[in-house]
Amino acid sequence: FPSQTVTENFAKVIHGLNANQLTDQVIQRSKRMILDTLGVGLLGTSTEVCHKVAQYSKIYSSDLSSTIWGHLDFQLPPLYAAFVNGVAVHSMDFDDTWHPATHPSGAVLPAVIALSEAFPQKKKISGLDLLLAFNVGIEVQGRLLHFSREARNIPKRY
């Protein structure tokens, strides 16, 4: 019997990640992924589906707020800002992908940015912390994809 379950091992690896482990290559690739995702997301803010989810989300409010990309005067609670910005990214379907099919940055970046904006001014995170959070999100998604039997069969279903 293994001394740790897969979940325990997974949590230990993720919890142990730190900014010192981000190599120059990982940082450069992450920046490219982030720039690409922001570009696709900004273009996606003009889509009908993005307008619909933005209108729907206006009913929610909280003390914390995050920006809707491309609309600096439009803020929502972080959960809904991440939702609207994620829809904007995915609505164009040009965001990054890997095999088996998933779009890693479109799910991770809107959440990371929305949360980072919600931090109090005196606790703002650094750019390196943002890159670490982004990479942790990508790592989690990649590991979950690796353990998913359904994900391996996606190409056979189409």
Protein backbone atom coordinates (compact mmCIF):
# COMPACT_ATOMS: atom_id res chain seq x y z
CA PHE A 1 0.00 0.00 0.00
CA PRO A 2 1.34 3.44 -0.83
CA SER A 3 2.03 5.70 2.11
CA GLN A 4 0.06 8.52 0.45
CA THR A 5 -3.06 8.56 -1.65
CA VAL A 6 -2.89 10.14 -5.10
CA THR A 7 -4.84 13.10 -3.72
CA GLU A 8 -2.44 13.57 -0.81
CA ASN A 9 0.56 13.39 -3.11
CA PHE A 10 -1.08 15.79 -5.56
CA ALA A 11 -1.84 18.31 -2.79
CA LYS A 12 1.70 18.03 -1.41
CA VAL A 13 3.28 18.74 -4.80
CA ILE A 14 0.99 21.71 -5.49
CA HIS A 15 1.39 23.15 -2.00
CA GLY A 16 5.16 22.88 -2.29
CA LEU A 17 5.49 24.91 -5.48
CA ASN A 18 7.17 28.28 -5.13
CA ALA A 19 8.40 31.09 -7.36
CA ASN A 20 12.02 29.86 -7.15
CA GLN A 21 10.98 26.82 -9.18
CA LEU A 22 9.87 28.94 -12.15
CA THR A 23 12.65 28.58 -14.69
CA ASP A 24 13.35 31.30 -17.25
CA GLN A 25 11.76 29.10 -19.91
CA VAL A 26 8.60 28.59 -17.82
CA ILE A 27 8.37 32.33 -17.12
CA GLN A 28 8.75 33.21 -20.82
CA ARG A 29 6.19 30.61 -21.93
CA SER A 30 3.80 31.70 -19.20
CA LYS A 31 4.06 35.33 -20.27
CA ARG A 32 3.33 34.31 -23.87
CA MET A 33 0.32 32.24 -22.75
CA ILE A 34 -0.95 35.14 -20.62
CA LEU A 35 -0.51 37.68 -23.41
CA ASP A 36 -2.28 35.39 -25.88
CA THR A 37 -5.14 34.77 -23.45
CA LEU A 38 -5.57 38.48 -22.72
CA GLY A 39 -5.64 39.26 -26.45
CA VAL A 40 -8.22 36.57 -27.20
CA GLY A 41 -10.22 37.63 -24.14
CA LEU A 42 -10.27 41.29 -25.14
CA LEU A 43 -11.49 40.32 -28.61
CA GLY A 44 -14.06 38.04 -26.99
CA THR A 45 -15.60 40.89 -25.00
CA SER A 46 -17.33 41.95 -28.20
CA THR A 47 -19.18 38.64 -28.64
CA GLU A 48 -22.89 38.23 -28.03
CA VAL A 49 -22.41 35.48 -25.46
CA CYS A 50 -20.01 37.67 -23.47
CA HIS A 51 -22.53 40.54 -23.51
CA LYS A 52 -25.23 38.18 -22.24
CA VAL A 53 -23.21 36.81 -19.32
CA ALA A 54 -22.02 40.32 -18.43
CA GLN A 55 -25.64 41.57 -18.34
CA TYR A 56 -26.69 38.57 -16.26
CA SER A 57 -23.80 39.05 -13.82
CA LYS A 58 -24.69 42.70 -13.13
CA ILE A 59 -27.23 41.51 -10.57
CA TYR A 60 -24.39 40.44 -8.26
CA SER A 61 -22.41 42.72 -6.01
CA SER A 62 -19.99 42.50 -3.11
CA ASP A 63 -17.47 44.58 -1.22
CA LEU A 64 -14.75 43.09 -3.42
CA SER A 65 -14.64 43.80 -7.12
CA SER A 66 -12.61 42.90 -10.17
CA THR A 67 -12.52 44.40 -13.64
CA ILE A 68 -14.23 43.08 -16.73
CA TRP A 69 -11.55 43.10 -19.40
CA GLY A 70 -11.90 45.89 -21.90
CA HIS A 71 -14.35 47.76 -19.62
CA LEU A 72 -12.40 49.51 -16.87
CA ASP A 73 -15.59 51.10 -15.53
CA PHE A 74 -17.38 47.74 -15.20
CA GLN A 75 -16.53 45.72 -12.11
CA LEU A 76 -18.09 42.63 -10.58
CA PRO A 77 -17.41 40.39 -7.59
CA PRO A 78 -14.27 38.34 -8.38
CA LEU A 79 -16.21 35.13 -9.03
CA TYR A 80 -18.39 36.79 -11.67
CA ALA A 81 -15.55 38.83 -13.17
CA ALA A 82 -13.63 35.58 -13.64
CA PHE A 83 -16.76 34.01 -15.17
CA VAL A 84 -17.36 36.86 -17.65
CA ASN A 85 -13.67 37.14 -18.60
CA GLY A 86 -13.43 33.36 -18.98
CA VAL A 87 -16.46 33.35 -21.27
CA ALA A 88 -14.83 36.14 -23.30
CA VAL A 89 -11.69 34.03 -23.76
CA HIS A 90 -13.57 30.85 -24.68
CA SER A 91 -16.10 32.58 -26.92
CA MET A 92 -13.45 33.11 -29.58
CA ASP A 93 -12.17 29.52 -29.35
CA PHE A 94 -8.66 30.67 -30.28
CA ASP A 95 -7.26 30.27 -26.78
CA ASP A 96 -4.41 27.87 -26.17
CA THR A 97 -4.99 24.15 -26.06
CA TRP A 98 -3.23 20.88 -25.42
CA HIS A 99 -3.98 17.24 -26.07
CA PRO A 100 -6.27 15.78 -24.94
CA ALA A 101 -8.40 18.79 -25.72
CA THR A 102 -8.60 21.40 -23.00
CA HIS A 103 -7.96 25.13 -22.88
CA PRO A 104 -5.70 25.69 -19.87
CA SER A 105 -5.17 29.46 -19.79
CA GLY A 106 -8.79 30.45 -20.42
CA ALA A 107 -9.85 28.64 -17.27
CA VAL A 108 -6.94 29.74 -15.07
CA LEU A 109 -5.99 33.32 -16.02
CA PRO A 110 -9.39 35.01 -15.49
CA ALA A 111 -9.62 33.52 -11.99
CA VAL A 112 -6.04 34.45 -11.06
CA ILE A 113 -6.43 38.04 -12.29
CA ALA A 114 -9.84 38.51 -10.66
CA LEU A 115 -8.52 37.27 -7.33
CA SER A 116 -5.36 39.35 -7.56
CA GLU A 117 -7.43 42.50 -8.13
CA ALA A 118 -9.53 41.74 -5.07
CA PHE A 119 -6.57 41.77 -2.68
CA PRO A 120 -6.41 44.85 -0.44
CA GLN A 121 -3.96 47.49 -1.67
CA LYS A 122 -1.48 46.75 1.12
CA LYS A 123 -1.46 43.03 0.25
CA LYS A 124 -1.18 43.24 -3.54
CA ILE A 125 0.70 40.35 -5.09
CA SER A 126 3.79 40.73 -7.24
CA GLY A 127 4.04 39.83 -10.90
CA LEU A 128 6.11 36.81 -9.94
CA ASP A 129 3.41 35.70 -7.50
CA LEU A 130 0.84 36.05 -10.29
CA LEU A 131 3.03 33.91 -12.58
CA LEU A 132 3.33 31.32 -9.82
CA ALA A 133 -0.43 31.23 -9.25
CA PHE A 134 -0.99 30.93 -13.01
CA ASN A 135 1.47 28.03 -13.23
CA VAL A 136 -0.02 26.28 -10.21
CA GLY A 137 -3.42 26.49 -11.95
CA ILE A 138 -1.97 25.09 -15.17
CA GLU A 139 -0.21 22.32 -13.21
CA VAL A 140 -3.42 21.39 -11.40
CA GLN A 141 -5.31 21.26 -14.67
CA GLY A 142 -2.60 19.19 -16.34
CA ARG A 143 -2.44 16.70 -13.48
CA LEU A 144 -6.22 16.33 -13.36
CA LEU A 145 -6.22 15.79 -17.12
CA HIS A 146 -3.50 13.17 -16.74
CA PHE A 147 -5.58 11.23 -14.20
CA SER A 148 -8.84 11.45 -16.16
CA ARG A 149 -9.86 8.40 -18.16
CA GLU A 150 -12.61 10.39 -19.89
CA ALA A 151 -10.12 12.98 -21.12
CA ARG A 152 -8.06 10.31 -22.85
CA ASN A 153 -11.11 9.28 -24.89
CA ILE A 154 -12.08 12.75 -26.13
CA PRO A 155 -10.54 12.30 -29.62
CA LYS A 156 -12.42 9.01 -30.08
CA ARG A 157 -15.74 10.71 -29.38
CA TYR A 158 -15.43 13.17 -32.27
